[in-house]
Amino acid sequence: MERTQAPSSWVEKEFAFSLWFGFLTISPSYELATRCRIDGLTELEHSLLPPDFDKVLEVYDDLGPVRGVDFLQWWPKARANNFWQSGLTSSN
């Protein structure tokens, strides 16, 4: 059965974000952004970056590192800082 409606329960929504977190953990671009912000890149690596890499860095700056972090550690801060709508509580 094809799902045509957006997730309505918090469990479904948080599951969707856990999948997104999982994709961040395996994303080569996100790993490169992590290295750029934490370890630094070589001149050669900088010269090979795509022109829109600043967009990846913006996402990294908003969501932070996921390397070695569990979703349950990451999600409360990421949710509060980036996804929470004013006036909502977890019971909405």
PDB file of N, CA and C in Angstrom:
ATOM      1  N   MET A   1       0.834  -1.179   0.000  1.00  0.00           N
ATOM      2  CA  MET A   1       0.000   0.000   0.000  1.00  0.00           C
ATOM      3  C   MET A   1       0.882   1.247   0.000  1.00  0.00           C
ATOM      4  N   GLU A   2       0.643   2.145  -0.898  1.00  0.00           N
ATOM      5  CA  GLU A   2       1.436   3.372  -1.000  1.00  0.00           C
ATOM      6  C   GLU A   2       0.951   4.397   0.015  1.00  0.00           C
ATOM      7  N   ARG A   3       1.886   5.020   0.681  1.00  0.00           N
ATOM      8  CA  ARG A   3       1.560   6.037   1.676  1.00  0.00           C
ATOM      9  C   ARG A   3       1.472   7.392   0.979  1.00  0.00           C
ATOM     10  N   THR A   4       0.345   8.056   1.143  1.00  0.00           N
ATOM     11  CA  THR A   4       0.154   9.342   0.481  1.00  0.00           C
ATOM     12  C   THR A   4       0.099  10.494   1.467  1.00  0.00           C
ATOM     13  N   GLN A   5      -0.026  10.212   2.761  1.00  0.00           N
ATOM     14  CA  GLN A   5      -0.093  11.263   3.759  1.00  0.00           C
ATOM     15  C   GLN A   5       1.239  11.394   4.473  1.00  0.00           C
ATOM     16  N   ALA A   6       1.492  12.600   4.965  1.00  0.00           N
ATOM     17  CA  ALA A   6       2.704  12.836   5.753  1.00  0.00           C
ATOM     18  C   ALA A   6       2.581  12.092   7.074  1.00  0.00           C
ATOM     19  N   PRO A   7       3.705  11.708   7.674  1.00  0.00           N
ATOM     20  CA  PRO A   7       3.655  11.043   8.972  1.00  0.00           C
ATOM     21  C   PRO A   7       2.924  11.913   9.991  1.00  0.00           C
ATOM     22  N   SER A   8       2.088  11.288  10.797  1.00  0.00           N
ATOM     23  CA  SER A   8       1.322  12.065  11.752  1.00  0.00           C
ATOM     24  C   SER A   8       1.787  11.883  13.188  1.00  0.00           C
ATOM     25  N   SER A   9       2.367  10.758  13.509  1.00  0.00           N
ATOM     26  CA  SER A   9       2.783  10.552  14.897  1.00  0.00           C
ATOM     27  C   SER A   9       4.240  10.961  15.083  1.00  0.00           C
ATOM     28  N   TRP A  10       4.578  11.300  16.312  1.00  0.00           N
ATOM     29  CA  TRP A  10       5.960  11.675  16.618  1.00  0.00           C
ATOM     30  C   TRP A  10       6.911  10.516  16.370  1.00  0.00           C
ATOM     31  N   VAL A  11       6.447   9.303  16.610  1.00  0.00           N
ATOM     32  CA  VAL A  11       7.309   8.135  16.366  1.00  0.00           C
ATOM     33  C   VAL A  11       7.676   8.063  14.895  1.00  0.00           C
ATOM     34  N   GLU A  12       6.699   8.223  14.015  1.00  0.00           N
ATOM     35  CA  GLU A  12       6.976   8.179  12.582  1.00  0.00           C
ATOM     36  C   GLU A  12       7.896   9.315  12.160  1.00  0.00           C
ATOM     37  N   LYS A  13       7.652  10.512  12.681  1.00  0.00           N
ATOM     38  CA  LYS A  13       8.488  11.654  12.309  1.00  0.00           C
ATOM     39  C   LYS A  13       9.916  11.471  12.796  1.00  0.00           C
ATOM     40  N   GLU A  14      10.082  11.028  14.045  1.00  0.00           N
ATOM     41  CA  GLU A  14      11.432  10.845  14.563  1.00  0.00           C
ATOM     42  C   GLU A  14      12.131   9.697  13.851  1.00  0.00           C
ATOM     43  N   PHE A  15      11.389   8.682  13.424  1.00  0.00           N
ATOM     44  CA  PHE A  15      11.995   7.605  12.641  1.00  0.00           C
ATOM     45  C   PHE A  15      12.528   8.165  11.320  1.00  0.00           C
ATOM     46  N   ALA A  16      11.757   9.041  10.692  1.00  0.00           N
ATOM     47  CA  ALA A  16      12.208   9.648   9.437  1.00  0.00           C
ATOM     48  C   ALA A  16      13.493  10.436   9.663  1.00  0.00           C
ATOM     49  N   PHE A  17      13.571  11.173  10.768  1.00  0.00           N
ATOM     50  CA  PHE A  17      14.796  11.915  11.057  1.00  0.00           C
ATOM     51  C   PHE A  17      15.955  10.981  11.389  1.00  0.00           C
ATOM     52  N   SER A  18      15.658   9.834  11.984  1.00  0.00           N
ATOM     53  CA  SER A  18      16.748   8.887  12.258  1.00  0.00           C
ATOM     54  C   SER A  18      17.318   8.338  10.951  1.00  0.00           C
ATOM     55  N   LEU A  19      16.463   8.171   9.942  1.00  0.00           N
ATOM     56  CA  LEU A  19      16.970   7.754   8.631  1.00  0.00           C
ATOM     57  C   LEU A  19      17.838   8.843   8.022  1.00  0.00           C
ATOM     58  N   TRP A  20      17.394  10.080   8.141  1.00  0.00           N
ATOM     59  CA  TRP A  20      18.172  11.206   7.629  1.00  0.00           C
ATOM     60  C   TRP A  20      19.532  11.253   8.321  1.00  0.00           C
ATOM     61  N   PHE A  21      19.540  11.081   9.638  1.00  0.00           N
ATOM     62  CA  PHE A  21      20.789  11.030  10.397  1.00  0.00           C
ATOM     63  C   PHE A  21      21.681   9.915   9.845  1.00  0.00           C
ATOM     64  N   GLY A  22      21.081   8.755   9.573  1.00  0.00           N
ATOM     65  CA  GLY A  22      21.846   7.641   9.020  1.00  0.00           C
ATOM     66  C   GLY A  22      22.492   7.989   7.692  1.00  0.00           C
ATOM     67  N   PHE A  23      21.762   8.703   6.852  1.00  0.00           N
ATOM     68  CA  PHE A  23      22.338   9.131   5.576  1.00  0.00           C
ATOM     69  C   PHE A  23      23.483  10.114   5.781  1.00  0.00           C
ATOM     70  N   LEU A  24      23.351  11.003   6.758  1.00  0.00           N
ATOM     71  CA  LEU A  24      24.453  11.924   7.052  1.00  0.00           C
ATOM     72  C   LEU A  24      25.705  11.154   7.468  1.00  0.00           C
ATOM     73  N   THR A  25      25.517  10.072   8.233  1.00  0.00           N
ATOM     74  CA  THR A  25      26.679   9.325   8.723  1.00  0.00           C
ATOM     75  C   THR A  25      27.438   8.616   7.609  1.00  0.00           C
ATOM     76  N   ILE A  26      26.771   8.347   6.471  1.00  0.00           N
ATOM     77  CA  ILE A  26      27.460   7.659   5.371  1.00  0.00           C
ATOM     78  C   ILE A  26      27.730   8.574   4.184  1.00  0.00           C
ATOM     79  N   SER A  27      27.361   9.839   4.302  1.00  0.00           N
ATOM     80  CA  SER A  27      27.537  10.779   3.200  1.00  0.00           C
ATOM     81  C   SER A  27      29.000  11.187   3.047  1.00  0.00           C
ATOM     82  N   PRO A  28      29.598  10.945   1.881  1.00  0.00           N
ATOM     83  CA  PRO A  28      30.972  11.396   1.660  1.00  0.00           C
ATOM     84  C   PRO A  28      31.099  12.918   1.767  1.00  0.00           C
ATOM     85  N   SER A  29      30.103  13.649   1.296  1.00  0.00           N
ATOM     86  CA  SER A  29      30.150  15.115   1.375  1.00  0.00           C
ATOM     87  C   SER A  29      30.108  15.584   2.820  1.00  0.00           C
ATOM     88  N   TYR A  30      29.251  14.944   3.626  1.00  0.00           N
ATOM     89  CA  TYR A  30      29.141  15.340   5.030  1.00  0.00           C
ATOM     90  C   TYR A  30      30.415  14.982   5.792  1.00  0.00           C
ATOM     91  N   GLU A  31      31.017  13.853   5.456  1.00  0.00           N
ATOM     92  CA  GLU A  31      32.292  13.481   6.072  1.00  0.00           C
ATOM     93  C   GLU A  31      33.376  14.488   5.702  1.00  0.00           C
ATOM     94  N   LEU A  32      33.372  14.935   4.475  1.00  0.00           N
ATOM     95  CA  LEU A  32      34.333  15.954   4.050  1.00  0.00           C
ATOM     96  C   LEU A  32      34.098  17.263   4.797  1.00  0.00           C
ATOM     97  N   ALA A  33      32.833  17.624   5.003  1.00  0.00           N
ATOM     98  CA  ALA A  33      32.521  18.830   5.778  1.00  0.00           C
ATOM     99  C   ALA A  33      33.003  18.675   7.217  1.00  0.00           C
ATOM    100  N   THR A  34      32.847  17.488   7.771  1.00  0.00           N
ATOM    101  CA  THR A  34      33.334  17.218   9.128  1.00  0.00           C
ATOM    102  C   THR A  34      34.838  17.409   9.190  1.00  0.00           C
ATOM    103  N   ARG A  35      35.533  16.817   8.234  1.00  0.00           N
ATOM    104  CA  ARG A  35      36.996  16.957   8.206  1.00  0.00           C
ATOM    105  C   ARG A  35      37.392  18.408   8.039  1.00  0.00           C
ATOM    106  N   CYS A  36      36.667  19.122   7.182  1.00  0.00           N
ATOM    107  CA  CYS A  36      36.963  20.535   6.925  1.00  0.00           C
ATOM    108  C   CYS A  36      36.850  21.341   8.212  1.00  0.00           C
ATOM    109  N   ARG A  37      35.784  21.118   8.980  1.00  0.00           N
ATOM    110  CA  ARG A  37      35.539  21.891  10.192  1.00  0.00           C
ATOM    111  C   ARG A  37      36.383  21.440  11.378  1.00  0.00           C
ATOM    112  N   ILE A  38      36.657  20.141  11.479  1.00  0.00           N
ATOM    113  CA  ILE A  38      37.357  19.617  12.660  1.00  0.00           C
ATOM    114  C   ILE A  38      38.854  19.475  12.428  1.00  0.00           C
ATOM    115  N   ASP A  39      39.221  18.821  11.332  1.00  0.00           N
ATOM    116  CA  ASP A  39      40.627  18.487  11.097  1.00  0.00           C
ATOM    117  C   ASP A  39      41.316  19.426  10.113  1.00  0.00           C
ATOM    118  N   GLY A  40      40.534  20.068   9.262  1.00  0.00           N
ATOM    119  CA  GLY A  40      41.098  20.885   8.195  1.00  0.00           C
ATOM    120  C   GLY A  40      41.382  20.047   6.958  1.00  0.00           C
ATOM    121  N   LEU A  41      41.438  20.711   5.826  1.00  0.00           N
ATOM    122  CA  LEU A  41      41.707  20.045   4.558  1.00  0.00           C
ATOM    123  C   LEU A  41      43.030  20.529   3.983  1.00  0.00           C
ATOM    124  N   THR A  42      43.631  19.693   3.175  1.00  0.00           N
ATOM    125  CA  THR A  42      44.858  20.093   2.496  1.00  0.00           C
ATOM    126  C   THR A  42      44.511  21.070   1.373  1.00  0.00           C
ATOM    127  N   GLU A  43      45.518  21.740   0.842  1.00  0.00           N
ATOM    128  CA  GLU A  43      45.296  22.649  -0.292  1.00  0.00           C
ATOM    129  C   GLU A  43      44.717  21.896  -1.487  1.00  0.00           C
ATOM    130  N   LEU A  44      45.226  20.688  -1.715  1.00  0.00           N
ATOM    131  CA  LEU A  44      44.715  19.878  -2.823  1.00  0.00           C
ATOM    132  C   LEU A  44      43.237  19.558  -2.615  1.00  0.00           C
ATOM    133  N   GLU A  45      42.877  19.140  -1.409  1.00  0.00           N
ATOM    134  CA  GLU A  45      41.465  18.835  -1.125  1.00  0.00           C
ATOM    135  C   GLU A  45      40.589  20.069  -1.321  1.00  0.00           C
ATOM    136  N   HIS A  46      41.062  21.208  -0.864  1.00  0.00           N
ATOM    137  CA  HIS A  46      40.306  22.459  -1.061  1.00  0.00           C
ATOM    138  C   HIS A  46      40.113  22.750  -2.545  1.00  0.00           C
ATOM    139  N   SER A  47      41.146  22.499  -3.337  1.00  0.00           N
ATOM    140  CA  SER A  47      41.052  22.794  -4.777  1.00  0.00           C
ATOM    141  C   SER A  47      40.081  21.863  -5.496  1.00  0.00           C
ATOM    142  N   LEU A  48      39.786  20.703  -4.906  1.00  0.00           N
ATOM    143  CA  LEU A  48      38.899  19.725  -5.534  1.00  0.00           C
ATOM    144  C   LEU A  48      37.444  19.824  -5.063  1.00  0.00           C
ATOM    145  N   LEU A  49      37.162  20.736  -4.147  1.00  0.00           N
ATOM    146  CA  LEU A  49      35.795  20.865  -3.628  1.00  0.00           C
ATOM    147  C   LEU A  49      34.854  21.365  -4.725  1.00  0.00           C
ATOM    148  N   PRO A  50      33.629  20.864  -4.738  1.00  0.00           N
ATOM    149  CA  PRO A  50      32.659  21.370  -5.713  1.00  0.00           C
ATOM    150  C   PRO A  50      32.292  22.814  -5.395  1.00  0.00           C
ATOM    151  N   PRO A  51      31.834  23.565  -6.378  1.00  0.00           N
ATOM    152  CA  PRO A  51      31.538  24.992  -6.169  1.00  0.00           C
ATOM    153  C   PRO A  51      30.453  25.241  -5.129  1.00  0.00           C
ATOM    154  N   ASP A  52      29.552  24.288  -4.921  1.00  0.00           N
ATOM    155  CA  ASP A  52      28.467  24.502  -3.959  1.00  0.00           C
ATOM    156  C   ASP A  52      28.739  23.845  -2.599  1.00  0.00           C
ATOM    157  N   PHE A  53      29.992  23.551  -2.314  1.00  0.00           N
ATOM    158  CA  PHE A  53      30.331  22.899  -1.046  1.00  0.00           C
ATOM    159  C   PHE A  53      29.962  23.763   0.151  1.00  0.00           C
ATOM    160  N   ASP A  54      29.850  25.071  -0.050  1.00  0.00           N
ATOM    161  CA  ASP A  54      29.444  25.951   1.043  1.00  0.00           C
ATOM    162  C   ASP A  54      28.055  25.572   1.565  1.00  0.00           C
ATOM    163  N   LYS A  55      27.204  25.001   0.711  1.00  0.00           N
ATOM    164  CA  LYS A  55      25.872  24.546   1.142  1.00  0.00           C
ATOM    165  C   LYS A  55      26.000  23.357   2.094  1.00  0.00           C
ATOM    166  N   VAL A  56      26.914  22.455   1.815  1.00  0.00           N
ATOM    167  CA  VAL A  56      27.150  21.317   2.705  1.00  0.00           C
ATOM    168  C   VAL A  56      27.671  21.821   4.040  1.00  0.00           C
ATOM    169  N   LEU A  57      28.568  22.788   4.002  1.00  0.00           N
ATOM    170  CA  LEU A  57      29.093  23.356   5.244  1.00  0.00           C
ATOM    171  C   LEU A  57      27.999  24.054   6.053  1.00  0.00           C
ATOM    172  N   GLU A  58      27.054  24.687   5.370  1.00  0.00           N
ATOM    173  CA  GLU A  58      25.924  25.314   6.080  1.00  0.00           C
ATOM    174  C   GLU A  58      25.107  24.261   6.827  1.00  0.00           C
ATOM    175  N   VAL A  59      24.858  23.137   6.171  1.00  0.00           N
ATOM    176  CA  VAL A  59      24.127  22.050   6.827  1.00  0.00           C
ATOM    177  C   VAL A  59      24.934  21.518   8.004  1.00  0.00           C
ATOM    178  N   TYR A  60      26.232  21.330   7.793  1.00  0.00           N
ATOM    179  CA  TYR A  60      27.086  20.854   8.882  1.00  0.00           C
ATOM    180  C   TYR A  60      27.072  21.836  10.048  1.00  0.00           C
ATOM    181  N   ASP A  61      27.155  23.112   9.756  1.00  0.00           N
ATOM    182  CA  ASP A  61      27.161  24.112  10.816  1.00  0.00           C
ATOM    183  C   ASP A  61      25.839  24.116  11.588  1.00  0.00           C
ATOM    184  N   ASP A  62      24.749  23.812  10.904  1.00  0.00           N
ATOM    185  CA  ASP A  62      23.451  23.733  11.576  1.00  0.00           C
ATOM    186  C   ASP A  62      23.299  22.453  12.387  1.00  0.00           C
ATOM    187  N   LEU A  63      23.694  21.312  11.816  1.00  0.00           N
ATOM    188  CA  LEU A  63      23.402  20.018  12.432  1.00  0.00           C
ATOM    189  C   LEU A  63      24.547  19.415  13.225  1.00  0.00           C
ATOM    190  N   GLY A  64      25.754  19.881  12.963  1.00  0.00           N
ATOM    191  CA  GLY A  64      26.896  19.411  13.731  1.00  0.00           C
ATOM    192  C   GLY A  64      27.413  18.053  13.306  1.00  0.00           C
ATOM    193  N   PRO A  65      28.413  17.578  14.026  1.00  0.00           N
ATOM    194  CA  PRO A  65      29.051  16.321  13.670  1.00  0.00           C
ATOM    195  C   PRO A  65      28.159  15.125  13.977  1.00  0.00           C
ATOM    196  N   VAL A  66      28.277  14.102  13.146  1.00  0.00           N
ATOM    197  CA  VAL A  66      27.581  12.840  13.388  1.00  0.00           C
ATOM    198  C   VAL A  66      28.572  11.690  13.520  1.00  0.00           C
ATOM    199  N   ARG A  67      29.842  11.977  13.299  1.00  0.00           N
ATOM    200  CA  ARG A  67      30.891  10.954  13.400  1.00  0.00           C
ATOM    201  C   ARG A  67      30.993  10.486  14.853  1.00  0.00           C
ATOM    202  N   GLY A  68      30.763   9.198  15.073  1.00  0.00           N
ATOM    203  CA  GLY A  68      30.888   8.630  16.409  1.00  0.00           C
ATOM    204  C   GLY A  68      29.796   9.056  17.386  1.00  0.00           C
ATOM    205  N   VAL A  69      28.696   9.597  16.864  1.00  0.00           N
ATOM    206  CA  VAL A  69      27.606  10.068  17.708  1.00  0.00           C
ATOM    207  C   VAL A  69      26.386   9.186  17.464  1.00  0.00           C
ATOM    208  N   ASP A  70      25.694   8.836  18.521  1.00  0.00           N
ATOM    209  CA  ASP A  70      24.464   8.079  18.423  1.00  0.00           C
ATOM    210  C   ASP A  70      23.303   9.020  18.118  1.00  0.00           C
ATOM    211  N   PHE A  71      22.318   8.541  17.363  1.00  0.00           N
ATOM    212  CA  PHE A  71      21.158   9.367  17.027  1.00  0.00           C
ATOM    213  C   PHE A  71      20.508   9.956  18.268  1.00  0.00           C
ATOM    214  N   LEU A  72      20.384   9.178  19.327  1.00  0.00           N
ATOM    215  CA  LEU A  72      19.715   9.667  20.538  1.00  0.00           C
ATOM    216  C   LEU A  72      20.510  10.754  21.251  1.00  0.00           C
ATOM    217  N   GLN A  73      21.806  10.833  21.001  1.00  0.00           N
ATOM    218  CA  GLN A  73      22.620  11.941  21.513  1.00  0.00           C
ATOM    219  C   GLN A  73      22.433  13.180  20.635  1.00  0.00           C
ATOM    220  N   TRP A  74      22.385  12.968  19.342  1.00  0.00           N
ATOM    221  CA  TRP A  74      22.343  14.052  18.362  1.00  0.00           C
ATOM    222  C   TRP A  74      20.977  14.694  18.254  1.00  0.00           C
ATOM    223  N   TRP A  75      19.930  13.898  18.259  1.00  0.00           N
ATOM    224  CA  TRP A  75      18.592  14.354  17.921  1.00  0.00           C
ATOM    225  C   TRP A  75      18.033  15.450  18.830  1.00  0.00           C
ATOM    226  N   PRO A  76      18.141  15.382  20.160  1.00  0.00           N
ATOM    227  CA  PRO A  76      17.528  16.448  20.971  1.00  0.00           C
ATOM    228  C   PRO A  76      18.041  17.848  20.621  1.00  0.00           C
ATOM    229  N   LYS A  77      19.337  17.993  20.446  1.00  0.00           N
ATOM    230  CA  LYS A  77      19.888  19.308  20.108  1.00  0.00           C
ATOM    231  C   LYS A  77      19.538  19.698  18.675  1.00  0.00           C
ATOM    232  N   ALA A  78      19.665  18.755  17.749  1.00  0.00           N
ATOM    233  CA  ALA A  78      19.342  19.050  16.350  1.00  0.00           C
ATOM    234  C   ALA A  78      17.873  19.438  16.217  1.00  0.00           C
ATOM    235  N   ARG A  79      17.012  18.716  16.913  1.00  0.00           N
ATOM    236  CA  ARG A  79      15.574  19.004  16.857  1.00  0.00           C
ATOM    237  C   ARG A  79      15.283  20.385  17.442  1.00  0.00           C
ATOM    238  N   ALA A  80      15.826  20.659  18.600  1.00  0.00           N
ATOM    239  CA  ALA A  80      15.549  21.926  19.273  1.00  0.00           C
ATOM    240  C   ALA A  80      16.078  23.116  18.479  1.00  0.00           C
ATOM    241  N   ASN A  81      17.233  22.960  17.861  1.00  0.00           N
ATOM    242  CA  ASN A  81      17.860  24.083  17.165  1.00  0.00           C
ATOM    243  C   ASN A  81      17.420  24.256  15.714  1.00  0.00           C
ATOM    244  N   ASN A  82      16.882  23.208  15.098  1.00  0.00           N
ATOM    245  CA  ASN A  82      16.640  23.274  13.657  1.00  0.00           C
ATOM    246  C   ASN A  82      15.253  22.855  13.193  1.00  0.00           C
ATOM    247  N   PHE A  83      14.566  22.021  13.957  1.00  0.00           N
ATOM    248  CA  PHE A  83      13.330  21.442  13.451  1.00  0.00           C
ATOM    249  C   PHE A  83      12.105  21.741  14.295  1.00  0.00           C
ATOM    250  N   TRP A  84      12.307  22.282  15.452  1.00  0.00           N
ATOM    251  CA  TRP A  84      11.196  22.511  16.368  1.00  0.00           C
ATOM    252  C   TRP A  84      10.412  23.733  15.939  1.00  0.00           C
ATOM    253  N   GLN A  85       9.097  23.598  15.896  1.00  0.00           N
ATOM    254  CA  GLN A  85       8.243  24.725  15.547  1.00  0.00           C
ATOM    255  C   GLN A  85       7.775  25.406  16.822  1.00  0.00           C
ATOM    256  N   SER A  86       7.800  26.690  16.826  1.00  0.00           N
ATOM    257  CA  SER A  86       7.372  27.462  17.976  1.00  0.00           C
ATOM    258  C   SER A  86       5.955  27.062  18.384  1.00  0.00           C
ATOM    259  N   GLY A  87       5.776  26.845  19.670  1.00  0.00           N
ATOM    260  CA  GLY A  87       4.463  26.521  20.198  1.00  0.00           C
ATOM    261  C   GLY A  87       4.137  25.048  20.234  1.00  0.00           C
ATOM    262  N   LEU A  88       4.991  24.201  19.652  1.00  0.00           N
ATOM    263  CA  LEU A  88       4.722  22.764  19.657  1.00  0.00           C
ATOM    264  C   LEU A  88       5.375  22.112  20.863  1.00  0.00           C
ATOM    265  N   THR A  89       4.767  21.073  21.345  1.00  0.00           N
ATOM    266  CA  THR A  89       5.367  20.226  22.351  1.00  0.00           C
ATOM    267  C   THR A  89       5.430  18.823  21.787  1.00  0.00           C
ATOM    268  N   SER A  90       6.138  17.952  22.440  1.00  0.00           N
ATOM    269  CA  SER A  90       6.259  16.590  21.919  1.00  0.00           C
ATOM    270  C   SER A  90       4.938  15.837  21.969  1.00  0.00           C
ATOM    271  N   SER A  91       3.926  16.377  22.641  1.00  0.00           N
ATOM    272  CA  SER A  91       2.620  15.716  22.676  1.00  0.00           C
ATOM    273  C   SER A  91       1.723  16.164  21.545  1.00  0.00           C
ATOM    274  N   ASN A  92       2.146  17.164  20.717  1.00  0.00           N
ATOM    275  CA  ASN A  92       1.322  17.616  19.585  1.00  0.00           C
ATOM    276  C   ASN A  92       1.312  16.586  18.488  1.00  0.00           C
TER     277      ASN A  92
END
